[in-house]
């Protein structure tokens, strides 16, 4: 059970075509890093909401387990690459990489007009 409800965001315009969906799992090494990491994730969430080509984002935070999952949906790979090269995301990758016990990131085509969810994408993953 979640202590924090999932934080979804969906753009008013869902774009045309399938776009690209990214699911990212992040697992911190230490519980004491969770508050600062969560603040960072909220800043990145705000960045996503302003980013060209972003269609939707869902953040699932399990702070006591030190686990965070994001599902983001983008118009195309170029929009994703522009996003990851921009702060605060760029700085966060450098800052938090060494603090991860585990990290995984996977991309796959979206479904036109259907906002992806954490449960939906994780169920579809092999």
Protein backbone atom coordinates (compact mmCIF):
# COMPACT_ATOMS: atom_id res chain seq x y z
CA UNK A 1 0.00 0.00 0.00
CA UNK A 2 1.18 3.49 -0.82
CA UNK A 3 1.76 6.19 1.74
CA UNK A 4 1.83 8.74 -1.06
CA UNK A 5 -0.77 8.60 -3.81
CA UNK A 6 0.50 8.37 -7.36
CA UNK A 7 1.11 11.84 -8.80
CA UNK A 8 -0.23 11.94 -12.36
CA UNK A 9 -0.09 14.69 -14.93
CA UNK A 10 -1.50 14.68 -18.44
CA UNK A 11 -1.05 17.35 -21.09
CA UNK A 12 -4.14 18.88 -22.65
CA UNK A 13 -2.83 17.71 -26.04
CA UNK A 14 -1.98 14.02 -26.32
CA UNK A 15 -0.30 14.40 -29.70
CA UNK A 16 -0.77 12.14 -32.66
CA UNK A 17 0.67 8.70 -33.08
CA UNK A 18 1.95 6.33 -30.43
CA UNK A 19 4.84 8.43 -29.14
CA UNK A 20 7.37 6.80 -26.85
CA UNK A 21 6.80 5.67 -23.25
CA UNK A 22 9.60 5.45 -20.69
CA UNK A 23 9.30 3.53 -17.45
CA UNK A 24 12.04 4.22 -14.92
CA UNK A 25 12.57 2.40 -11.62
CA UNK A 26 14.86 4.00 -9.05
CA UNK A 27 15.87 2.35 -5.77
CA UNK A 28 17.88 4.42 -3.30
CA UNK A 29 20.57 2.89 -1.11
CA UNK A 30 19.70 4.82 2.05
CA UNK A 31 16.44 5.81 3.67
CA UNK A 32 17.97 9.08 4.87
CA UNK A 33 18.29 10.23 1.22
CA UNK A 34 14.56 9.88 0.51
CA UNK A 35 13.42 13.42 1.52
CA UNK A 36 16.02 15.18 -0.64
CA UNK A 37 15.49 12.75 -3.51
CA UNK A 38 11.72 13.26 -3.34
CA UNK A 39 12.20 17.03 -3.55
CA UNK A 40 14.35 16.46 -6.62
CA UNK A 41 11.70 14.26 -8.23
CA UNK A 42 9.08 16.96 -7.68
CA UNK A 43 11.33 19.52 -9.39
CA UNK A 44 11.80 17.15 -12.32
CA UNK A 45 8.04 16.60 -12.44
CA UNK A 46 7.54 20.35 -12.81
CA UNK A 47 10.21 20.38 -15.53
CA UNK A 48 8.36 17.62 -17.40
CA UNK A 49 5.08 19.52 -17.22
CA UNK A 50 6.74 22.45 -19.03
CA UNK A 51 8.72 20.39 -21.55
CA UNK A 52 7.85 20.43 -25.26
CA UNK A 53 6.71 17.01 -26.41
CA UNK A 54 5.71 15.73 -22.96
CA UNK A 55 2.31 14.04 -23.04
CA UNK A 56 1.99 12.58 -19.56
CA UNK A 57 3.90 11.66 -16.43
CA UNK A 58 3.08 9.49 -13.47
CA UNK A 59 5.25 9.36 -10.36
CA UNK A 60 4.82 6.51 -7.91
CA UNK A 61 6.78 7.03 -4.68
CA UNK A 62 7.29 4.31 -2.07
CA UNK A 63 9.46 6.28 0.35
CA UNK A 64 9.80 3.67 3.11
CA UNK A 65 10.90 1.11 0.53
CA UNK A 66 13.22 3.75 -1.02
CA UNK A 67 11.63 3.06 -4.43
CA UNK A 68 10.38 5.47 -7.06
CA UNK A 69 8.84 4.70 -10.43
CA UNK A 70 8.04 7.10 -13.24
CA UNK A 71 6.10 6.50 -16.41
CA UNK A 72 6.45 9.26 -18.97
CA UNK A 73 4.97 9.54 -22.44
CA UNK A 74 6.58 11.72 -25.11
CA UNK A 75 5.92 12.74 -28.71
CA UNK A 76 9.25 11.28 -29.84
CA UNK A 77 12.78 10.40 -28.82
CA UNK A 78 14.03 13.91 -29.69
CA UNK A 79 11.72 15.40 -27.02
CA UNK A 80 13.05 12.92 -24.45
CA UNK A 81 16.68 13.70 -25.28
CA UNK A 82 16.07 17.46 -25.03
CA UNK A 83 14.47 16.91 -21.62
CA UNK A 84 17.23 14.74 -20.13
CA UNK A 85 19.90 17.25 -21.18
CA UNK A 86 18.15 20.09 -19.34
CA UNK A 87 18.26 20.97 -15.64
CA UNK A 88 17.09 19.93 -13.15
CA UNK A 89 17.06 16.45 -14.73
CA UNK A 90 20.65 16.63 -16.00
CA UNK A 91 22.04 17.67 -12.60
CA UNK A 92 19.89 15.11 -10.77
CA UNK A 93 21.29 12.25 -12.87
CA UNK A 94 24.80 13.26 -11.86
CA UNK A 95 23.89 13.89 -8.22
CA UNK A 96 21.87 10.75 -7.52
CA UNK A 97 23.47 8.10 -9.73
CA UNK A 98 25.93 6.95 -7.08
CA UNK A 99 23.16 6.81 -4.46
CA UNK A 100 21.13 4.22 -6.36
CA UNK A 101 20.99 0.61 -5.27
CA UNK A 102 19.25 -0.14 -8.53
CA UNK A 103 18.18 1.79 -11.62
CA UNK A 104 16.40 0.68 -14.76
CA UNK A 105 14.97 2.59 -17.68
CA UNK A 106 13.03 1.09 -20.56
CA UNK A 107 11.35 2.63 -23.59
CA UNK A 108 8.61 1.27 -25.81
CA UNK A 109 5.93 2.61 -28.18
CA UNK A 110 2.85 4.12 -26.62
CA UNK A 111 -0.77 3.63 -27.62
CA UNK A 112 -2.33 6.63 -29.37
CA UNK A 113 -4.84 8.39 -27.12
CA UNK A 114 -4.20 6.13 -24.10
CA UNK A 115 -2.31 7.58 -21.16
CA UNK A 116 0.06 4.90 -19.79
CA UNK A 117 -0.03 3.89 -16.12
CA UNK A 118 2.52 2.21 -13.85
CA UNK A 119 0.37 -0.90 -13.48
CA UNK A 120 -0.30 -1.05 -17.21
CA UNK A 121 3.31 -0.79 -18.34
CA UNK A 122 4.71 -3.09 -15.67
CA UNK A 123 2.08 -5.73 -16.52
CA UNK A 124 3.07 -5.51 -20.19
CA UNK A 125 6.80 -5.87 -19.49
CA UNK A 126 8.37 -9.35 -19.81
